[in-house]
PDB file of all heavy atoms in Angstrom:
ATOM      1  N   PRO A   1     -52.886 -38.503  -0.161  1.00  0.00           N
ATOM      2  CA  PRO A   1     -53.554 -37.902   1.000  1.00  0.00           C
ATOM      3  C   PRO A   1     -53.046 -36.485   1.215  1.00  0.00           C
ATOM      4  O   PRO A   1     -51.975 -36.108   0.740  1.00  0.00           O
ATOM      5  CB  PRO A   1     -53.140 -38.830   2.153  1.00  0.00           C
ATOM      6  CG  PRO A   1     -51.860 -39.445   1.711  1.00  0.00           C
ATOM      7  CD  PRO A   1     -51.949 -39.572   0.212  1.00  0.00           C
ATOM      8  N   GLY A   2     -53.824 -35.704   1.934  1.00  0.00           N
ATOM      9  CA  GLY A   2     -53.409 -34.337   2.219  1.00  0.00           C
ATOM     10  C   GLY A   2     -54.572 -33.469   2.635  1.00  0.00           C
ATOM     11  O   GLY A   2     -55.672 -33.955   2.914  1.00  0.00           O
ATOM     12  N   LYS A   3     -54.300 -32.168   2.688  1.00  0.00           N
ATOM     13  CA  LYS A   3     -55.302 -31.198   3.127  1.00  0.00           C
ATOM     14  C   LYS A   3     -55.933 -30.508   1.928  1.00  0.00           C
ATOM     15  O   LYS A   3     -55.315 -30.365   0.869  1.00  0.00           O
ATOM     16  CB  LYS A   3     -54.656 -30.149   4.030  1.00  0.00           C
ATOM     17  CG  LYS A   3     -54.006 -30.725   5.278  1.00  0.00           C
ATOM     18  CD  LYS A   3     -53.229 -29.649   6.008  1.00  0.00           C
ATOM     19  CE  LYS A   3     -52.448 -30.245   7.187  1.00  0.00           C
ATOM     20  NZ  LYS A   3     -51.580 -29.229   7.836  1.00  0.00           N
ATOM     21  N   VAL A   4     -57.198 -30.044   2.134  1.00  0.00           N
ATOM     22  CA  VAL A   4     -57.893 -29.313   1.083  1.00  0.00           C
ATOM     23  C   VAL A   4     -58.904 -28.384   1.741  1.00  0.00           C
ATOM     24  O   VAL A   4     -59.457 -28.708   2.799  1.00  0.00           O
ATOM     25  CB  VAL A   4     -58.604 -30.276   0.099  1.00  0.00           C
ATOM     26  CG1 VAL A   4     -59.677 -31.089   0.804  1.00  0.00           C
ATOM     27  CG2 VAL A   4     -59.195 -29.523  -1.091  1.00  0.00           C
ATOM     28  N   VAL A   5     -59.087 -27.222   1.169  1.00  0.00           N
ATOM     29  CA  VAL A   5     -60.164 -26.324   1.594  1.00  0.00           C
ATOM     30  C   VAL A   5     -61.361 -26.605   0.701  1.00  0.00           C
ATOM     31  O   VAL A   5     -61.230 -26.660  -0.529  1.00  0.00           O
ATOM     32  CB  VAL A   5     -59.741 -24.846   1.489  1.00  0.00           C
ATOM     33  CG1 VAL A   5     -60.910 -23.933   1.835  1.00  0.00           C
ATOM     34  CG2 VAL A   5     -58.564 -24.562   2.420  1.00  0.00           C
ATOM     35  N   VAL A   6     -62.523 -26.800   1.327  1.00  0.00           N
ATOM     36  CA  VAL A   6     -63.723 -27.156   0.576  1.00  0.00           C
ATOM     37  C   VAL A   6     -64.670 -25.966   0.584  1.00  0.00           C
ATOM     38  O   VAL A   6     -65.102 -25.502   1.641  1.00  0.00           O
ATOM     39  CB  VAL A   6     -64.415 -28.393   1.186  1.00  0.00           C
ATOM     40  CG1 VAL A   6     -65.600 -28.822   0.319  1.00  0.00           C
ATOM     41  CG2 VAL A   6     -63.425 -29.537   1.327  1.00  0.00           C
ATOM     42  N   ALA A   7     -64.983 -25.447  -0.588  1.00  0.00           N
ATOM     43  CA  ALA A   7     -65.904 -24.318  -0.729  1.00  0.00           C
ATOM     44  C   ALA A   7     -66.959 -24.669  -1.756  1.00  0.00           C
ATOM     45  O   ALA A   7     -66.675 -25.306  -2.778  1.00  0.00           O
ATOM     46  CB  ALA A   7     -65.144 -23.062  -1.154  1.00  0.00           C
ATOM     47  N   GLY A   8     -68.182 -24.262  -1.473  1.00  0.00           N
ATOM     48  CA  GLY A   8     -69.269 -24.561  -2.388  1.00  0.00           C
ATOM     49  C   GLY A   8     -70.337 -23.492  -2.359  1.00  0.00           C
ATOM     50  O   GLY A   8     -70.253 -22.528  -1.589  1.00  0.00           O
ATOM     51  N   PRO A   9     -71.384 -23.659  -3.145  1.00  0.00           N
ATOM     52  CA  PRO A   9     -72.449 -22.664  -3.241  1.00  0.00           C
ATOM     53  C   PRO A   9     -73.399 -22.728  -2.053  1.00  0.00           C
ATOM     54  O   PRO A   9     -73.461 -23.731  -1.340  1.00  0.00           O
ATOM     55  CB  PRO A   9     -73.161 -23.049  -4.538  1.00  0.00           C
ATOM     56  CG  PRO A   9     -72.950 -24.528  -4.642  1.00  0.00           C
ATOM     57  CD  PRO A   9     -71.583 -24.786  -4.070  1.00  0.00           C
ATOM     58  N   ALA A  10     -74.161 -21.657  -1.860  1.00  0.00           N
ATOM     59  CA  ALA A  10     -75.107 -21.597  -0.749  1.00  0.00           C
ATOM     60  C   ALA A  10     -76.534 -21.874  -1.184  1.00  0.00           C
ATOM     61  O   ALA A  10     -77.424 -21.947  -0.342  1.00  0.00           O
ATOM     62  CB  ALA A  10     -75.038 -20.223  -0.085  1.00  0.00           C
ATOM     63  N   SER A  11     -76.779 -22.020  -2.478  1.00  0.00           N
ATOM     64  CA  SER A  11     -78.147 -22.246  -2.942  1.00  0.00           C
ATOM     65  C   SER A  11     -78.447 -23.733  -3.042  1.00  0.00           C
ATOM     66  O   SER A  11     -77.583 -24.538  -3.429  1.00  0.00           O
ATOM     67  CB  SER A  11     -78.382 -21.577  -4.301  1.00  0.00           C
ATOM     68  OG  SER A  11     -77.954 -22.404  -5.355  1.00  0.00           O
ATOM     69  N   THR A  12     -79.668 -24.092  -2.701  1.00  0.00           N
ATOM     70  CA  THR A  12     -80.084 -25.493  -2.740  1.00  0.00           C
ATOM     71  C   THR A  12     -79.977 -26.050  -4.153  1.00  0.00           C
ATOM     72  O   THR A  12     -79.528 -27.189  -4.356  1.00  0.00           O
ATOM     73  CB  THR A  12     -81.522 -25.627  -2.214  1.00  0.00           C
ATOM     74  OG1 THR A  12     -81.582 -25.109  -0.883  1.00  0.00           O
ATOM     75  CG2 THR A  12     -81.970 -27.081  -2.209  1.00  0.00           C
ATOM     76  N   GLN A  13     -80.368 -25.260  -5.142  1.00  0.00           N
ATOM     77  CA  GLN A  13     -80.337 -25.738  -6.520  1.00  0.00           C
ATOM     78  C   GLN A  13     -78.909 -26.050  -6.966  1.00  0.00           C
ATOM     79  O   GLN A  13     -78.652 -27.085  -7.597  1.00  0.00           O
ATOM     80  CB  GLN A  13     -80.951 -24.701  -7.457  1.00  0.00           C
ATOM     81  CG  GLN A  13     -81.000 -25.141  -8.908  1.00  0.00           C
ATOM     82  CD  GLN A  13     -81.710 -24.141  -9.797  1.00  0.00           C
ATOM     83  OE1 GLN A  13     -82.336 -23.198  -9.318  1.00  0.00           O
ATOM     84  NE2 GLN A  13     -81.620 -24.329 -11.107  1.00  0.00           N
ATOM     85  N   ASP A  14     -77.957 -25.188  -6.605  1.00  0.00           N
ATOM     86  CA  ASP A  14     -76.570 -25.420  -7.015  1.00  0.00           C
ATOM     87  C   ASP A  14     -75.967 -26.620  -6.283  1.00  0.00           C
ATOM     88  O   ASP A  14     -75.205 -27.398  -6.866  1.00  0.00           O
ATOM     89  CB  ASP A  14     -75.721 -24.177  -6.752  1.00  0.00           C
ATOM     90  CG  ASP A  14     -75.982 -23.066  -7.756  1.00  0.00           C
ATOM     91  OD1 ASP A  14     -76.494 -23.371  -8.851  1.00  0.00           O
ATOM     92  OD2 ASP A  14     -75.690 -21.900  -7.446  1.00  0.00           O
ATOM     93  N   VAL A  15     -76.302 -26.766  -4.987  1.00  0.00           N
ATOM     94  CA  VAL A  15     -75.801 -27.926  -4.258  1.00  0.00           C
ATOM     95  C   VAL A  15     -76.388 -29.210  -4.839  1.00  0.00           C
ATOM     96  O   VAL A  15     -75.704 -30.226  -4.977  1.00  0.00           O
ATOM     97  CB  VAL A  15     -76.113 -27.808  -2.756  1.00  0.00           C
ATOM     98  CG1 VAL A  15     -75.717 -29.096  -2.016  1.00  0.00           C
ATOM     99  CG2 VAL A  15     -75.369 -26.616  -2.145  1.00  0.00           C
ATOM    100  N   ALA A  16     -77.673 -29.160  -5.231  1.00  0.00           N
ATOM    101  CA  ALA A  16     -78.301 -30.326  -5.863  1.00  0.00           C
ATOM    102  C   ALA A  16     -77.590 -30.682  -7.159  1.00  0.00           C
ATOM    103  O   ALA A  16     -77.414 -31.865  -7.490  1.00  0.00           O
ATOM    104  CB  ALA A  16     -79.775 -30.054  -6.113  1.00  0.00           C
ATOM    105  N   THR A  17     -77.156 -29.661  -7.889  1.00  0.00           N
ATOM    106  CA  THR A  17     -76.418 -29.905  -9.132  1.00  0.00           C
ATOM    107  C   THR A  17     -75.119 -30.648  -8.846  1.00  0.00           C
ATOM    108  O   THR A  17     -74.758 -31.602  -9.549  1.00  0.00           O
ATOM    109  CB  THR A  17     -76.121 -28.567  -9.838  1.00  0.00           C
ATOM    110  OG1 THR A  17     -77.357 -27.950 -10.205  1.00  0.00           O
ATOM    111  CG2 THR A  17     -75.274 -28.775 -11.094  1.00  0.00           C
ATOM    112  N   ILE A  18     -74.413 -30.231  -7.799  1.00  0.00           N
ATOM    113  CA  ILE A  18     -73.162 -30.910  -7.426  1.00  0.00           C
ATOM    114  C   ILE A  18     -73.442 -32.349  -7.001  1.00  0.00           C
ATOM    115  O   ILE A  18     -72.755 -33.285  -7.428  1.00  0.00           O
ATOM    116  CB  ILE A  18     -72.459 -30.137  -6.299  1.00  0.00           C
ATOM    117  CG1 ILE A  18     -71.970 -28.782  -6.812  1.00  0.00           C
ATOM    118  CG2 ILE A  18     -71.282 -30.943  -5.735  1.00  0.00           C
ATOM    119  CD1 ILE A  18     -71.444 -27.864  -5.735  1.00  0.00           C
ATOM    120  N   LEU A  19     -74.454 -32.537  -6.169  1.00  0.00           N
ATOM    121  CA  LEU A  19     -74.761 -33.879  -5.680  1.00  0.00           C
ATOM    122  C   LEU A  19     -75.203 -34.814  -6.797  1.00  0.00           C
ATOM    123  O   LEU A  19     -75.039 -36.035  -6.692  1.00  0.00           O
ATOM    124  CB  LEU A  19     -75.831 -33.810  -4.589  1.00  0.00           C
ATOM    125  CG  LEU A  19     -75.399 -33.141  -3.282  1.00  0.00           C
ATOM    126  CD1 LEU A  19     -76.571 -33.043  -2.317  1.00  0.00           C
ATOM    127  CD2 LEU A  19     -74.243 -33.887  -2.636  1.00  0.00           C
ATOM    128  N   SER A  20     -75.740 -34.254  -7.868  1.00  0.00           N
ATOM    129  CA  SER A  20     -76.150 -35.098  -9.000  1.00  0.00           C
ATOM    130  C   SER A  20     -74.946 -35.719  -9.699  1.00  0.00           C
ATOM    131  O   SER A  20     -75.098 -36.662 -10.478  1.00  0.00           O
ATOM    132  CB  SER A  20     -76.976 -34.289 -10.003  1.00  0.00           C
ATOM    133  OG  SER A  20     -76.162 -33.343 -10.693  1.00  0.00           O
ATOM    134  N   THR A  21     -73.735 -35.200  -9.421  1.00  0.00           N
ATOM    135  CA  THR A  21     -72.524 -35.734 -10.047  1.00  0.00           C
ATOM    136  C   THR A  21     -71.839 -36.789  -9.182  1.00  0.00           C
ATOM    137  O   THR A  21     -70.815 -37.343  -9.589  1.00  0.00           O
ATOM    138  CB  THR A  21     -71.506 -34.604 -10.325  1.00  0.00           C
ATOM    139  OG1 THR A  21     -70.970 -34.104  -9.085  1.00  0.00           O
ATOM    140  CG2 THR A  21     -72.161 -33.450 -11.078  1.00  0.00           C
ATOM    141  N   VAL A  22     -72.387 -37.050  -7.984  1.00  0.00           N
ATOM    142  CA  VAL A  22     -71.757 -38.017  -7.077  1.00  0.00           C
ATOM    143  C   VAL A  22     -71.837 -39.417  -7.679  1.00  0.00           C
ATOM    144  O   VAL A  22     -72.922 -39.884  -8.046  1.00  0.00           O
ATOM    145  CB  VAL A  22     -72.450 -38.005  -5.697  1.00  0.00           C
ATOM    146  CG1 VAL A  22     -71.829 -39.064  -4.786  1.00  0.00           C
ATOM    147  CG2 VAL A  22     -72.340 -36.627  -5.061  1.00  0.00           C
ATOM    148  N   PRO A  23     -70.710 -40.114  -7.827  1.00  0.00           N
ATOM    149  CA  PRO A  23     -70.736 -41.476  -8.358  1.00  0.00           C
ATOM    150  C   PRO A  23     -71.609 -42.388  -7.499  1.00  0.00           C
ATOM    151  O   PRO A  23     -71.753 -42.181  -6.294  1.00  0.00           O
ATOM    152  CB  PRO A  23     -69.267 -41.910  -8.318  1.00  0.00           C
ATOM    153  CG  PRO A  23     -68.490 -40.629  -8.318  1.00  0.00           C
ATOM    154  CD  PRO A  23     -69.326 -39.649  -7.560  1.00  0.00           C
ATOM    155  N   SER A  24     -72.172 -43.401  -8.121  1.00  0.00           N
ATOM    156  CA  SER A  24     -73.114 -44.275  -7.416  1.00  0.00           C
ATOM    157  C   SER A  24     -72.469 -45.066  -6.288  1.00  0.00           C
ATOM    158  O   SER A  24     -73.157 -45.552  -5.394  1.00  0.00           O
ATOM    159  CB  SER A  24     -73.770 -45.235  -8.412  1.00  0.00           C
ATOM    160  OG  SER A  24     -72.788 -46.050  -9.030  1.00  0.00           O
ATOM    161  N   ASP A  25     -71.132 -45.199  -6.305  1.00  0.00           N
ATOM    162  CA  ASP A  25     -70.481 -45.984  -5.254  1.00  0.00           C
ATOM    163  C   ASP A  25     -69.982 -45.117  -4.103  1.00  0.00           C
ATOM    164  O   ASP A  25     -69.250 -45.588  -3.239  1.00  0.00           O
ATOM    165  CB  ASP A  25     -69.306 -46.784  -5.832  1.00  0.00           C
ATOM    166  CG  ASP A  25     -68.196 -45.887  -6.363  1.00  0.00           C
ATOM    167  OD1 ASP A  25     -68.470 -44.696  -6.611  1.00  0.00           O
ATOM    168  OD2 ASP A  25     -67.064 -46.376  -6.521  1.00  0.00           O
ATOM    169  N   CYS A  26     -70.389 -43.835  -4.063  1.00  0.00           N
ATOM    170  CA  CYS A  26     -69.915 -42.913  -3.028  1.00  0.00           C
ATOM    171  C   CYS A  26     -71.017 -42.565  -2.035  1.00  0.00           C
ATOM    172  O   CYS A  26     -72.196 -42.479  -2.398  1.00  0.00           O
ATOM    173  CB  CYS A  26     -69.418 -41.609  -3.651  1.00  0.00           C
ATOM    174  SG  CYS A  26     -67.814 -41.717  -4.472  1.00  0.00           S
ATOM    175  N   VAL A  27     -70.611 -42.358  -0.784  1.00  0.00           N
ATOM    176  CA  VAL A  27     -71.469 -41.715   0.196  1.00  0.00           C
ATOM    177  C   VAL A  27     -71.066 -40.242   0.222  1.00  0.00           C
ATOM    178  O   VAL A  27     -69.904 -39.913   0.454  1.00  0.00           O
ATOM    179  CB  VAL A  27     -71.295 -42.326   1.595  1.00  0.00           C
ATOM    180  CG1 VAL A  27     -72.176 -41.599   2.602  1.00  0.00           C
ATOM    181  CG2 VAL A  27     -71.611 -43.810   1.575  1.00  0.00           C
ATOM    182  N   ALA A  28     -72.024 -39.353  -0.034  1.00  0.00           N
ATOM    183  CA  ALA A  28     -71.728 -37.922  -0.058  1.00  0.00           C
ATOM    184  C   ALA A  28     -71.791 -37.355   1.350  1.00  0.00           C
ATOM    185  O   ALA A  28     -72.721 -37.649   2.114  1.00  0.00           O
ATOM    186  CB  ALA A  28     -72.716 -37.193  -0.959  1.00  0.00           C
ATOM    187  N   LEU A  29     -70.799 -36.535   1.704  1.00  0.00           N
ATOM    188  CA  LEU A  29     -70.784 -35.816   2.968  1.00  0.00           C
ATOM    189  C   LEU A  29     -70.946 -34.331   2.658  1.00  0.00           C
ATOM    190  O   LEU A  29     -70.114 -33.738   1.974  1.00  0.00           O
ATOM    191  CB  LEU A  29     -69.480 -36.062   3.733  1.00  0.00           C
ATOM    192  CG  LEU A  29     -69.177 -37.526   4.089  1.00  0.00           C
ATOM    193  CD1 LEU A  29     -67.905 -37.610   4.933  1.00  0.00           C
ATOM    194  CD2 LEU A  29     -70.341 -38.155   4.822  1.00  0.00           C
ATOM    195  N   LEU A  30     -72.032 -33.750   3.157  1.00  0.00           N
ATOM    196  CA  LEU A  30     -72.375 -32.359   2.878  1.00  0.00           C
ATOM    197  C   LEU A  30     -72.151 -31.540   4.136  1.00  0.00           C
ATOM    198  O   LEU A  30     -72.831 -31.728   5.143  1.00  0.00           O
ATOM    199  CB  LEU A  30     -73.830 -32.267   2.418  1.00  0.00           C
ATOM    200  CG  LEU A  30     -74.393 -30.879   2.110  1.00  0.00           C
ATOM    201  CD1 LEU A  30     -73.594 -30.220   0.979  1.00  0.00           C
ATOM    202  CD2 LEU A  30     -75.866 -30.971   1.750  1.00  0.00           C
ATOM    203  N   ASP A  31     -71.181 -30.625   4.083  1.00  0.00           N
ATOM    204  CA  ASP A  31     -70.762 -29.845   5.242  1.00  0.00           C
ATOM    205  C   ASP A  31     -71.427 -28.468   5.195  1.00  0.00           C
ATOM    206  O   ASP A  31     -71.396 -27.802   4.161  1.00  0.00           O
ATOM    207  CB  ASP A  31     -69.232 -29.706   5.195  1.00  0.00           C
ATOM    208  CG  ASP A  31     -68.675 -28.907   6.348  1.00  0.00           C
ATOM    209  OD1 ASP A  31     -68.772 -27.665   6.308  1.00  0.00           O
ATOM    210  OD2 ASP A  31     -68.135 -29.513   7.279  1.00  0.00           O
ATOM    211  N   GLY A  32     -72.038 -28.043   6.306  1.00  0.00           N
ATOM    212  CA  GLY A  32     -72.668 -26.727   6.292  1.00  0.00           C
ATOM    213  C   GLY A  32     -73.067 -26.241   7.668  1.00  0.00           C
ATOM    214  O   GLY A  32     -73.319 -27.039   8.573  1.00  0.00           O
ATOM    215  N   ALA A  33     -73.154 -24.926   7.849  1.00  0.00           N
ATOM    216  CA  ALA A  33     -73.552 -24.339   9.124  1.00  0.00           C
ATOM    217  C   ALA A  33     -75.048 -24.096   9.155  1.00  0.00           C
ATOM    218  O   ALA A  33     -75.700 -23.954   8.117  1.00  0.00           O
ATOM    219  CB  ALA A  33     -72.806 -23.019   9.347  1.00  0.00           C
ATOM    220  N   LEU A  34     -75.613 -24.037  10.377  1.00  0.00           N
ATOM    221  CA  LEU A  34     -77.047 -23.851  10.529  1.00  0.00           C
ATOM    222  C   LEU A  34     -77.504 -22.530   9.928  1.00  0.00           C
ATOM    223  O   LEU A  34     -78.623 -22.420   9.429  1.00  0.00           O
ATOM    224  CB  LEU A  34     -77.418 -23.904  12.016  1.00  0.00           C
ATOM    225  CG  LEU A  34     -78.872 -24.162  12.353  1.00  0.00           C
ATOM    226  CD1 LEU A  34     -79.302 -25.534  11.853  1.00  0.00           C
ATOM    227  CD2 LEU A  34     -79.110 -24.041  13.848  1.00  0.00           C
ATOM    228  N   SER A  35     -76.644 -21.524   9.941  1.00  0.00           N
ATOM    229  CA  SER A  35     -77.019 -20.221   9.396  1.00  0.00           C
ATOM    230  C   SER A  35     -77.205 -20.263   7.883  1.00  0.00           C
ATOM    231  O   SER A  35     -77.782 -19.358   7.296  1.00  0.00           O
ATOM    232  CB  SER A  35     -75.952 -19.179   9.757  1.00  0.00           C
ATOM    233  OG  SER A  35     -74.686 -19.556   9.225  1.00  0.00           O
ATOM    234  N   ARG A  36     -76.687 -21.304   7.232  1.00  0.00           N
ATOM    235  CA  ARG A  36     -76.895 -21.461   5.792  1.00  0.00           C
ATOM    236  C   ARG A  36     -77.365 -22.893   5.526  1.00  0.00           C
ATOM    237  O   ARG A  36     -76.842 -23.595   4.662  1.00  0.00           O
ATOM    238  CB  ARG A  36     -75.606 -21.142   5.023  1.00  0.00           C
ATOM    239  CG  ARG A  36     -74.356 -21.880   5.504  1.00  0.00           C
ATOM    240  CD  ARG A  36     -73.132 -21.479   4.672  1.00  0.00           C
ATOM    241  NE  ARG A  36     -71.988 -22.320   4.967  1.00  0.00           N
ATOM    242  CZ  ARG A  36     -71.073 -22.078   5.893  1.00  0.00           C
ATOM    243  NH1 ARG A  36     -71.194 -21.007   6.639  1.00  0.00           N
ATOM    244  NH2 ARG A  36     -70.065 -22.897   6.083  1.00  0.00           N
ATOM    245  N   LEU A  37     -78.397 -23.273   6.273  1.00  0.00           N
ATOM    246  CA  LEU A  37     -78.791 -24.674   6.336  1.00  0.00           C
ATOM    247  C   LEU A  37     -79.697 -25.110   5.201  1.00  0.00           C
ATOM    248  O   LEU A  37     -79.882 -26.305   4.991  1.00  0.00           O
ATOM    249  CB  LEU A  37     -79.482 -24.938   7.675  1.00  0.00           C
ATOM    250  CG  LEU A  37     -79.754 -26.379   8.084  1.00  0.00           C
ATOM    251  CD1 LEU A  37     -78.444 -27.152   8.198  1.00  0.00           C
ATOM    252  CD2 LEU A  37     -80.514 -26.435   9.391  1.00  0.00           C
ATOM    253  N   ALA A  38     -80.304 -24.189   4.448  1.00  0.00           N
ATOM    254  CA  ALA A  38     -81.336 -24.570   3.485  1.00  0.00           C
ATOM    255  C   ALA A  38     -80.929 -25.731   2.577  1.00  0.00           C
ATOM    256  O   ALA A  38     -81.715 -26.670   2.401  1.00  0.00           O
ATOM    257  CB  ALA A  38     -81.758 -23.359   2.658  1.00  0.00           C
ATOM    258  N   PRO A  39     -79.726 -25.753   1.991  1.00  0.00           N
ATOM    259  CA  PRO A  39     -79.377 -26.897   1.139  1.00  0.00           C
ATOM    260  C   PRO A  39     -79.254 -28.218   1.893  1.00  0.00           C
ATOM    261  O   PRO A  39     -79.202 -29.276   1.268  1.00  0.00           O
ATOM    262  CB  PRO A  39     -78.021 -26.480   0.540  1.00  0.00           C
ATOM    263  CG  PRO A  39     -77.995 -24.992   0.635  1.00  0.00           C
ATOM    264  CD  PRO A  39     -78.712 -24.692   1.909  1.00  0.00           C
ATOM    265  N   MET A  40     -79.217 -28.167   3.248  1.00  0.00           N
ATOM    266  CA  MET A  40     -79.152 -29.402   4.015  1.00  0.00           C
ATOM    267  C   MET A  40     -80.426 -30.220   3.853  1.00  0.00           C
ATOM    268  O   MET A  40     -80.490 -31.383   4.233  1.00  0.00           O
ATOM    269  CB  MET A  40     -78.901 -29.085   5.488  1.00  0.00           C
ATOM    270  CG  MET A  40     -78.310 -30.223   6.294  1.00  0.00           C
ATOM    271  SD  MET A  40     -76.708 -30.814   5.683  1.00  0.00           S
ATOM    272  CE  MET A  40     -75.630 -29.453   6.118  1.00  0.00           C
ATOM    273  N   SER A  41     -81.466 -29.613   3.257  1.00  0.00           N
ATOM    274  CA  SER A  41     -82.695 -30.358   2.967  1.00  0.00           C
ATOM    275  C   SER A  41     -82.446 -31.448   1.925  1.00  0.00           C
ATOM    276  O   SER A  41     -83.312 -32.303   1.705  1.00  0.00           O
ATOM    277  CB  SER A  41     -83.790 -29.409   2.471  1.00  0.00           C
ATOM    278  OG  SER A  41     -83.420 -28.793   1.244  1.00  0.00           O
ATOM    279  N   LEU A  42     -81.280 -31.450   1.308  1.00  0.00           N
ATOM    280  CA  LEU A  42     -80.921 -32.485   0.339  1.00  0.00           C
ATOM    281  C   LEU A  42     -80.335 -33.715   1.021  1.00  0.00           C
ATOM    282  O   LEU A  42     -80.131 -34.744   0.377  1.00  0.00           O
ATOM    283  CB  LEU A  42     -79.919 -31.931  -0.676  1.00  0.00           C
ATOM    284  CG  LEU A  42     -80.405 -30.724  -1.485  1.00  0.00           C
ATOM    285  CD1 LEU A  42     -79.251 -30.113  -2.275  1.00  0.00           C
ATOM    286  CD2 LEU A  42     -81.534 -31.122  -2.415  1.00  0.00           C
ATOM    287  N   ALA A  43     -80.054 -33.616   2.325  1.00  0.00           N
ATOM    288  CA  ALA A  43     -79.450 -34.728   3.049  1.00  0.00           C
ATOM    289  C   ALA A  43     -80.485 -35.797   3.373  1.00  0.00           C
ATOM    290  O   ALA A  43     -81.640 -35.494   3.677  1.00  0.00           O
ATOM    291  CB  ALA A  43     -78.791 -34.234   4.331  1.00  0.00           C
ATOM    292  N   THR A  44     -80.061 -37.044   3.322  1.00  0.00           N
ATOM    293  CA  THR A  44     -80.928 -38.145   3.743  1.00  0.00           C
ATOM    294  C   THR A  44     -80.743 -38.452   5.220  1.00  0.00           C
ATOM    295  O   THR A  44     -81.641 -38.988   5.862  1.00  0.00           O
ATOM    296  CB  THR A  44     -80.640 -39.408   2.910  1.00  0.00           C
ATOM    297  OG1 THR A  44     -79.236 -39.719   2.988  1.00  0.00           O
ATOM    298  CG2 THR A  44     -81.010 -39.198   1.457  1.00  0.00           C
ATOM    299  N   GLU A  45     -79.581 -38.137   5.756  1.00  0.00           N
ATOM    300  CA  GLU A  45     -79.289 -38.268   7.175  1.00  0.00           C
ATOM    301  C   GLU A  45     -78.491 -37.045   7.622  1.00  0.00           C
ATOM    302  O   GLU A  45     -77.743 -36.477   6.820  1.00  0.00           O
ATOM    303  CB  GLU A  45     -78.477 -39.531   7.491  1.00  0.00           C
ATOM    304  CG  GLU A  45     -79.197 -40.843   7.227  1.00  0.00           C
ATOM    305  CD  GLU A  45     -79.071 -41.296   5.783  1.00  0.00           C
ATOM    306  OE1 GLU A  45     -78.150 -40.822   5.080  1.00  0.00           O
ATOM    307  OE2 GLU A  45     -79.892 -42.129   5.352  1.00  0.00           O
TER     308      GLU A  45
END
């Protein structure tokens, strides 16, 4: 356990690429601000 800084891309295509690597037994948590919300269209909830 511990702390980590999480940084990622701002483009929907790149975020989709990352999410395609999520193992089938994981729930993905996608963190983002409204000012850069476009990739949030990949969220199911």
